[in-house]
């Protein structure tokens, strides 16, 4: 692949096509974009300047967001708006702090946007690594 932008051309690089390239959206490049069930932001107090964030609690269901998790079932046609949430065609596993998190819903909720409703396992207070795996491909490790 080669990219040309603003009159400049990049080097040619090989790119491997893959069904899965999962990644969580983040607030700051480190902390997973997560919401409480009331849509308030999950995070340590003062995680983001000027924004109210509160930690998730064990047993609480939180909403995580990502991209690259592959097809939904039924399949979503390319180039069309997503008008209803569709579950993933493949199973996804999520861990928080190395412990399995129950996934109540995993699916496509917007064009290219995936939502995961997961239950926080019993963890100590503080940041915990959040990792998802689908089709043998694992997300980057982020914190909640």
N, C-alpha and C. Protein backbone atom coordinates (compact mmCIF):
# COMPACT_ATOMS: atom_id res chain seq x y z
N UNK A 1 0.84 -1.15 0.00
CA UNK A 1 0.00 0.00 0.00
C UNK A 1 0.90 1.23 0.00
N UNK A 2 0.43 2.27 -0.64
CA UNK A 2 1.13 3.54 -0.67
C UNK A 2 0.10 4.65 -0.53
N UNK A 3 0.42 5.67 0.25
CA UNK A 3 -0.50 6.77 0.49
C UNK A 3 0.08 8.05 -0.08
N UNK A 4 -0.80 8.81 -0.75
CA UNK A 4 -0.41 10.13 -1.25
C UNK A 4 -1.35 11.14 -0.62
N UNK A 5 -0.78 12.14 0.04
CA UNK A 5 -1.56 13.19 0.68
C UNK A 5 -0.79 14.48 0.61
N UNK A 6 -1.48 15.55 0.28
CA UNK A 6 -0.89 16.88 0.20
C UNK A 6 0.36 16.89 -0.69
N UNK A 7 0.31 16.12 -1.77
CA UNK A 7 1.41 16.10 -2.71
C UNK A 7 2.60 15.24 -2.31
N UNK A 8 2.56 14.63 -1.16
CA UNK A 8 3.66 13.77 -0.70
C UNK A 8 3.22 12.31 -0.77
N UNK A 9 4.14 11.44 -1.17
CA UNK A 9 3.85 10.01 -1.30
C UNK A 9 4.69 9.23 -0.30
N UNK A 10 4.04 8.29 0.38
CA UNK A 10 4.73 7.47 1.37
C UNK A 10 5.50 6.34 0.70
N UNK A 11 6.29 5.65 1.50
CA UNK A 11 6.94 4.43 1.03
C UNK A 11 5.88 3.37 0.79
N UNK A 12 6.19 2.38 -0.01
CA UNK A 12 5.30 1.26 -0.23
C UNK A 12 5.51 0.25 0.89
N UNK A 13 4.41 -0.18 1.52
CA UNK A 13 4.49 -1.19 2.57
C UNK A 13 3.47 -2.28 2.29
N UNK A 14 3.77 -3.50 2.74
CA UNK A 14 2.84 -4.62 2.61
C UNK A 14 1.88 -4.59 3.78
N UNK A 15 0.61 -4.85 3.50
CA UNK A 15 -0.42 -4.86 4.52
C UNK A 15 -1.18 -6.18 4.40
N UNK A 16 -1.36 -6.85 5.53
CA UNK A 16 -2.09 -8.11 5.53
C UNK A 16 -3.55 -7.85 5.88
N UNK A 17 -4.44 -8.35 5.04
CA UNK A 17 -5.87 -8.22 5.29
C UNK A 17 -6.28 -9.23 6.34
N UNK A 18 -7.14 -8.79 7.29
CA UNK A 18 -7.56 -9.65 8.38
C UNK A 18 -9.03 -9.42 8.68
N UNK A 19 -9.74 -10.47 9.05
CA UNK A 19 -11.14 -10.34 9.42
C UNK A 19 -11.30 -9.57 10.72
N UNK A 20 -10.29 -9.68 11.61
CA UNK A 20 -10.34 -9.01 12.90
C UNK A 20 -9.12 -8.13 13.11
N UNK A 21 -9.37 -6.94 13.62
CA UNK A 21 -8.31 -6.03 14.06
C UNK A 21 -8.86 -5.26 15.25
N UNK A 22 -9.19 -5.99 16.34
CA UNK A 22 -9.92 -5.38 17.45
C UNK A 22 -9.10 -4.37 18.23
N UNK A 23 -9.78 -3.30 18.61
CA UNK A 23 -9.17 -2.27 19.46
C UNK A 23 -10.27 -1.56 20.22
N UNK A 24 -10.00 -1.25 21.48
CA UNK A 24 -10.93 -0.46 22.26
C UNK A 24 -10.70 1.02 21.98
N UNK A 25 -11.76 1.80 22.02
CA UNK A 25 -11.63 3.25 21.98
C UNK A 25 -11.15 3.68 23.36
N UNK A 26 -10.37 4.75 23.40
CA UNK A 26 -9.83 5.21 24.68
C UNK A 26 -10.13 6.69 24.88
N UNK A 27 -10.10 7.09 26.15
CA UNK A 27 -10.27 8.50 26.49
C UNK A 27 -8.99 9.28 26.21
N UNK A 28 -7.87 8.66 26.53
CA UNK A 28 -6.59 9.38 26.51
C UNK A 28 -5.45 8.56 25.91
N UNK A 29 -5.78 7.52 25.17
CA UNK A 29 -4.75 6.65 24.62
C UNK A 29 -4.35 5.54 25.57
N UNK A 30 -4.83 5.58 26.80
CA UNK A 30 -4.47 4.59 27.81
C UNK A 30 -5.69 3.97 28.47
N UNK A 31 -6.72 4.74 28.74
CA UNK A 31 -7.90 4.28 29.48
C UNK A 31 -9.06 4.02 28.52
N UNK A 32 -9.61 2.81 28.59
CA UNK A 32 -10.72 2.42 27.73
C UNK A 32 -11.90 3.36 27.90
N UNK A 33 -12.50 3.76 26.78
CA UNK A 33 -13.72 4.58 26.84
C UNK A 33 -14.83 3.69 27.37
N UNK A 34 -15.28 3.96 28.58
CA UNK A 34 -16.29 3.14 29.23
C UNK A 34 -17.33 4.02 29.89
N UNK A 35 -18.55 3.51 29.92
CA UNK A 35 -19.66 4.23 30.54
C UNK A 35 -20.33 3.35 31.58
N UNK A 36 -20.85 3.99 32.61
CA UNK A 36 -21.75 3.31 33.55
C UNK A 36 -23.08 3.10 32.82
N UNK A 37 -23.98 2.30 33.38
CA UNK A 37 -25.28 2.05 32.76
C UNK A 37 -26.10 3.33 32.60
N UNK A 38 -25.82 4.36 33.42
CA UNK A 38 -26.53 5.64 33.28
C UNK A 38 -25.82 6.58 32.30
N UNK A 39 -24.83 6.05 31.57
CA UNK A 39 -24.05 6.76 30.54
C UNK A 39 -23.10 7.81 31.10
N UNK A 40 -22.85 7.81 32.40
CA UNK A 40 -21.80 8.67 32.94
C UNK A 40 -20.46 7.96 32.71
N UNK A 41 -19.38 8.73 32.72
CA UNK A 41 -18.07 8.20 32.36
C UNK A 41 -17.41 7.40 33.48
N UNK A 42 -16.83 6.26 33.09
CA UNK A 42 -16.08 5.42 34.03
C UNK A 42 -14.63 5.87 34.03
N UNK A 43 -14.06 6.01 35.22
CA UNK A 43 -12.65 6.35 35.34
C UNK A 43 -12.34 6.81 36.75
N UNK A 44 -11.07 6.83 37.04
CA UNK A 44 -10.65 7.36 38.33
C UNK A 44 -11.07 8.82 38.43
N UNK A 45 -11.38 9.30 39.64
CA UNK A 45 -11.71 10.72 39.78
C UNK A 45 -10.59 11.59 39.18
N UNK A 46 -10.98 12.63 38.46
CA UNK A 46 -10.05 13.56 37.82
C UNK A 46 -9.20 12.93 36.72
N UNK A 47 -9.69 11.82 36.13
CA UNK A 47 -8.98 11.20 35.01
C UNK A 47 -8.82 12.19 33.86
N UNK A 48 -9.87 12.92 33.58
CA UNK A 48 -9.86 13.90 32.50
C UNK A 48 -10.14 15.28 33.09
N UNK A 49 -9.27 16.23 32.85
CA UNK A 49 -9.47 17.57 33.42
C UNK A 49 -10.83 18.15 33.03
N UNK A 50 -11.56 18.62 34.02
CA UNK A 50 -12.84 19.27 33.79
C UNK A 50 -14.00 18.33 33.49
N UNK A 51 -13.77 17.02 33.62
CA UNK A 51 -14.81 16.04 33.32
C UNK A 51 -15.01 15.15 34.55
N UNK A 52 -16.27 14.88 34.89
CA UNK A 52 -16.56 14.02 36.03
C UNK A 52 -16.46 12.56 35.60
N UNK A 53 -15.59 11.81 36.26
CA UNK A 53 -15.45 10.37 36.03
C UNK A 53 -15.51 9.67 37.38
N UNK A 54 -16.13 8.49 37.40
CA UNK A 54 -16.22 7.71 38.64
C UNK A 54 -15.84 6.27 38.35
N UNK A 55 -15.17 5.61 39.29
CA UNK A 55 -14.72 4.24 39.07
C UNK A 55 -15.88 3.25 38.93
N UNK A 56 -15.65 2.20 38.17
CA UNK A 56 -16.59 1.09 38.09
C UNK A 56 -16.44 0.24 39.35
N UNK A 57 -17.50 -0.42 39.73
CA UNK A 57 -17.51 -1.25 40.93
C UNK A 57 -17.67 -2.72 40.56
N UNK A 58 -17.09 -3.63 41.33
CA UNK A 58 -17.29 -5.06 41.08
C UNK A 58 -18.79 -5.39 41.02
N UNK A 59 -19.16 -6.19 40.04
CA UNK A 59 -20.56 -6.58 39.85
C UNK A 59 -21.36 -5.63 39.00
N UNK A 60 -20.80 -4.47 38.71
CA UNK A 60 -21.49 -3.47 37.89
C UNK A 60 -21.33 -3.81 36.41
N UNK A 61 -22.39 -3.58 35.63
CA UNK A 61 -22.29 -3.73 34.18
C UNK A 61 -21.90 -2.38 33.60
N UNK A 62 -20.82 -2.38 32.83
CA UNK A 62 -20.34 -1.17 32.18
C UNK A 62 -20.36 -1.38 30.66
N UNK A 63 -20.32 -0.28 29.93
CA UNK A 63 -20.34 -0.31 28.48
C UNK A 63 -18.95 0.07 27.97
N UNK A 64 -18.38 -0.80 27.13
CA UNK A 64 -17.09 -0.54 26.50
C UNK A 64 -17.33 -0.38 25.00
N UNK A 65 -16.44 0.36 24.33
CA UNK A 65 -16.61 0.60 22.90
C UNK A 65 -15.32 0.29 22.16
N UNK A 66 -15.48 -0.21 20.93
CA UNK A 66 -14.31 -0.57 20.14
C UNK A 66 -14.59 -0.58 18.66
N UNK A 67 -13.56 -0.95 17.91
CA UNK A 67 -13.62 -1.07 16.46
C UNK A 67 -12.89 -2.35 16.05
N UNK A 68 -13.15 -2.84 14.85
CA UNK A 68 -12.39 -3.95 14.29
C UNK A 68 -12.75 -5.32 14.80
N UNK A 69 -13.95 -5.51 15.32
CA UNK A 69 -14.34 -6.81 15.88
C UNK A 69 -15.04 -7.72 14.88
N UNK A 70 -15.05 -7.38 13.61
CA UNK A 70 -15.55 -8.28 12.58
C UNK A 70 -17.05 -8.20 12.35
N UNK A 71 -17.56 -9.22 11.63
CA UNK A 71 -18.95 -9.17 11.19
C UNK A 71 -19.96 -9.38 12.31
N UNK A 72 -21.15 -8.84 12.04
CA UNK A 72 -22.29 -9.03 12.94
C UNK A 72 -23.18 -10.12 12.35
N UNK A 73 -24.17 -10.54 13.15
CA UNK A 73 -25.11 -11.54 12.69
C UNK A 73 -26.52 -11.04 13.00
N UNK A 74 -27.33 -10.68 11.99
CA UNK A 74 -27.06 -10.83 10.57
C UNK A 74 -26.01 -9.83 10.10
N UNK A 75 -25.38 -10.14 8.96
CA UNK A 75 -24.34 -9.25 8.43
C UNK A 75 -24.89 -7.86 8.12
N UNK A 76 -24.06 -6.86 8.36
CA UNK A 76 -24.44 -5.48 8.05
C UNK A 76 -23.86 -5.14 6.68
N UNK A 77 -24.71 -4.78 5.71
CA UNK A 77 -24.19 -4.45 4.38
C UNK A 77 -23.25 -3.24 4.43
N UNK A 78 -22.18 -3.29 3.68
CA UNK A 78 -21.22 -2.18 3.61
C UNK A 78 -21.91 -0.93 3.08
N UNK A 79 -21.53 0.21 3.62
CA UNK A 79 -22.03 1.48 3.12
C UNK A 79 -23.43 1.84 3.57
N UNK A 80 -24.02 1.05 4.48
CA UNK A 80 -25.36 1.37 4.96
C UNK A 80 -25.31 1.69 6.45
N UNK A 81 -26.18 2.59 6.88
CA UNK A 81 -26.26 2.94 8.29
C UNK A 81 -26.74 1.76 9.11
N UNK A 82 -26.21 1.65 10.31
CA UNK A 82 -26.67 0.63 11.25
C UNK A 82 -27.92 1.20 11.92
N UNK A 83 -29.04 0.53 11.74
CA UNK A 83 -30.30 1.03 12.30
C UNK A 83 -30.75 0.26 13.53
N UNK A 84 -30.12 -0.88 13.79
CA UNK A 84 -30.43 -1.67 14.99
C UNK A 84 -29.16 -2.39 15.41
N UNK A 85 -28.99 -2.57 16.71
CA UNK A 85 -27.82 -3.28 17.21
C UNK A 85 -27.87 -4.74 16.76
N UNK A 86 -26.76 -5.24 16.24
CA UNK A 86 -26.66 -6.64 15.81
C UNK A 86 -25.52 -7.30 16.55
N UNK A 87 -25.75 -8.48 17.13
CA UNK A 87 -24.68 -9.17 17.86
C UNK A 87 -23.55 -9.59 16.93
N UNK A 88 -22.38 -9.78 17.50
CA UNK A 88 -21.24 -10.26 16.72
C UNK A 88 -21.50 -11.66 16.20
N UNK A 89 -20.96 -11.97 15.02
CA UNK A 89 -21.08 -13.31 14.45
C UNK A 89 -20.14 -14.28 15.16
N UNK A 90 -19.09 -13.77 15.79
CA UNK A 90 -18.12 -14.59 16.49
C UNK A 90 -18.09 -14.21 17.97
N UNK A 91 -17.81 -15.19 18.82
CA UNK A 91 -17.75 -14.93 20.25
C UNK A 91 -16.55 -14.09 20.63
N UNK A 92 -16.73 -13.24 21.62
CA UNK A 92 -15.66 -12.40 22.13
C UNK A 92 -15.48 -12.69 23.62
N UNK A 93 -14.23 -12.70 24.06
CA UNK A 93 -13.93 -12.87 25.48
C UNK A 93 -13.29 -11.57 25.98
N UNK A 94 -13.72 -11.13 27.15
CA UNK A 94 -13.18 -9.91 27.74
C UNK A 94 -12.65 -10.26 29.13
N UNK A 95 -11.46 -9.75 29.44
CA UNK A 95 -10.93 -9.86 30.79
C UNK A 95 -10.67 -8.46 31.32
N UNK A 96 -10.86 -8.31 32.62
CA UNK A 96 -10.54 -7.07 33.32
C UNK A 96 -9.67 -7.46 34.49
N UNK A 97 -8.50 -6.90 34.55
CA UNK A 97 -7.56 -7.25 35.61
C UNK A 97 -7.18 -8.73 35.57
N UNK A 98 -7.18 -9.32 34.38
CA UNK A 98 -6.82 -10.73 34.22
C UNK A 98 -7.93 -11.70 34.55
N UNK A 99 -9.09 -11.18 34.98
CA UNK A 99 -10.22 -12.03 35.33
C UNK A 99 -11.29 -11.94 34.24
N UNK A 100 -11.93 -13.05 33.96
CA UNK A 100 -12.98 -13.08 32.95
C UNK A 100 -14.13 -12.17 33.36
N UNK A 101 -14.57 -11.35 32.42
CA UNK A 101 -15.72 -10.47 32.63
C UNK A 101 -16.89 -11.05 31.84
N UNK A 102 -18.03 -11.21 32.48
CA UNK A 102 -19.22 -11.71 31.78
C UNK A 102 -19.64 -10.69 30.73
N UNK A 103 -19.82 -11.16 29.49
CA UNK A 103 -20.23 -10.29 28.39
C UNK A 103 -21.72 -10.53 28.13
N UNK A 104 -22.56 -9.57 28.52
CA UNK A 104 -24.00 -9.68 28.34
C UNK A 104 -24.40 -9.36 26.91
N UNK A 105 -23.66 -8.46 26.26
CA UNK A 105 -23.92 -8.10 24.86
C UNK A 105 -22.61 -7.71 24.22
N UNK A 106 -22.42 -8.14 22.97
CA UNK A 106 -21.28 -7.74 22.16
C UNK A 106 -21.79 -7.61 20.73
N UNK A 107 -21.77 -6.40 20.21
CA UNK A 107 -22.30 -6.26 18.86
C UNK A 107 -22.04 -4.91 18.23
N UNK A 108 -22.45 -4.83 16.99
CA UNK A 108 -22.33 -3.62 16.18
C UNK A 108 -23.50 -2.70 16.51
N UNK A 109 -23.20 -1.48 16.95
CA UNK A 109 -24.26 -0.54 17.33
C UNK A 109 -24.29 0.71 16.47
N UNK A 110 -23.25 0.92 15.70
CA UNK A 110 -23.17 2.05 14.79
C UNK A 110 -22.23 1.67 13.66
N UNK A 111 -22.16 2.47 12.64
CA UNK A 111 -21.28 2.15 11.52
C UNK A 111 -19.84 2.04 12.01
N UNK A 112 -19.33 0.81 12.08
CA UNK A 112 -17.96 0.56 12.53
C UNK A 112 -17.76 0.61 14.03
N UNK A 113 -18.84 0.84 14.80
CA UNK A 113 -18.73 0.97 16.26
C UNK A 113 -19.33 -0.26 16.94
N UNK A 114 -18.54 -0.87 17.82
CA UNK A 114 -18.98 -2.04 18.57
C UNK A 114 -19.14 -1.66 20.04
N UNK A 115 -20.17 -2.24 20.66
CA UNK A 115 -20.43 -2.01 22.08
C UNK A 115 -20.38 -3.34 22.80
N UNK A 116 -19.82 -3.31 24.02
CA UNK A 116 -19.72 -4.50 24.87
C UNK A 116 -20.28 -4.14 26.23
N UNK A 117 -21.33 -4.85 26.66
CA UNK A 117 -21.88 -4.68 27.99
C UNK A 117 -21.27 -5.78 28.84
N UNK A 118 -20.38 -5.41 29.75
CA UNK A 118 -19.64 -6.40 30.53
C UNK A 118 -19.80 -6.14 32.02
N UNK A 119 -19.75 -7.22 32.78
CA UNK A 119 -19.84 -7.12 34.23
C UNK A 119 -18.43 -7.11 34.81
N UNK A 120 -18.15 -6.12 35.62
CA UNK A 120 -16.83 -5.98 36.24
C UNK A 120 -16.65 -7.10 37.26
N UNK A 121 -15.56 -7.88 37.13
CA UNK A 121 -15.31 -8.93 38.13
C UNK A 121 -14.89 -8.34 39.47
N UNK A 122 -14.77 -9.18 40.48
CA UNK A 122 -14.38 -8.74 41.81
C UNK A 122 -12.88 -8.41 41.81
N UNK A 123 -12.57 -7.13 41.77
CA UNK A 123 -11.19 -6.64 41.69
C UNK A 123 -10.89 -5.65 42.80
N UNK A 124 -9.62 -5.48 43.08
CA UNK A 124 -9.20 -4.43 44.00
C UNK A 124 -9.42 -3.07 43.33
N UNK A 125 -9.51 -2.02 44.13
CA UNK A 125 -9.66 -0.67 43.60
C UNK A 125 -8.45 -0.30 42.76
N UNK A 126 -8.68 0.56 41.77
CA UNK A 126 -7.59 1.06 40.93
C UNK A 126 -7.73 0.62 39.49
N UNK A 127 -6.82 1.10 38.65
CA UNK A 127 -6.83 0.74 37.24
C UNK A 127 -6.61 -0.75 37.06
N UNK A 128 -7.26 -1.32 36.05
CA UNK A 128 -7.10 -2.73 35.73
C UNK A 128 -7.03 -2.88 34.21
N UNK A 129 -6.18 -3.76 33.74
CA UNK A 129 -6.04 -4.00 32.30
C UNK A 129 -7.33 -4.58 31.74
N UNK A 130 -7.77 -4.04 30.60
CA UNK A 130 -8.95 -4.54 29.89
C UNK A 130 -8.47 -5.10 28.56
N UNK A 131 -8.80 -6.38 28.30
CA UNK A 131 -8.35 -7.06 27.09
C UNK A 131 -9.52 -7.83 26.50
N UNK A 132 -9.66 -7.78 25.18
CA UNK A 132 -10.67 -8.58 24.48
C UNK A 132 -9.97 -9.46 23.46
N UNK A 133 -10.56 -10.62 23.21
CA UNK A 133 -10.03 -11.56 22.24
C UNK A 133 -11.17 -12.05 21.36
N UNK A 134 -10.93 -12.04 20.05
CA UNK A 134 -11.92 -12.55 19.10
C UNK A 134 -11.18 -13.19 17.93
N UNK A 135 -11.58 -14.38 17.58
CA UNK A 135 -10.95 -15.08 16.46
C UNK A 135 -9.46 -15.26 16.62
N UNK A 136 -9.00 -15.38 17.86
CA UNK A 136 -7.57 -15.56 18.11
C UNK A 136 -6.76 -14.27 18.06
N UNK A 137 -7.42 -13.13 17.88
CA UNK A 137 -6.73 -11.84 17.84
C UNK A 137 -7.09 -11.08 19.11
N UNK A 138 -6.08 -10.49 19.74
CA UNK A 138 -6.24 -9.83 21.03
C UNK A 138 -6.07 -8.32 20.87
N UNK A 139 -6.88 -7.56 21.62
CA UNK A 139 -6.74 -6.10 21.62
C UNK A 139 -5.46 -5.69 22.33
N UNK A 140 -5.10 -4.44 22.17
CA UNK A 140 -4.04 -3.87 22.99
C UNK A 140 -4.52 -3.88 24.43
N UNK A 141 -3.62 -3.83 25.38
CA UNK A 141 -4.00 -3.79 26.78
C UNK A 141 -4.22 -2.34 27.18
N UNK A 142 -5.41 -2.06 27.70
CA UNK A 142 -5.75 -0.72 28.16
C UNK A 142 -6.24 -0.82 29.60
N UNK A 143 -6.39 0.31 30.25
CA UNK A 143 -6.91 0.34 31.63
C UNK A 143 -8.34 0.79 31.63
N UNK A 144 -9.04 0.44 32.72
CA UNK A 144 -10.41 0.94 32.91
C UNK A 144 -10.39 1.90 34.08
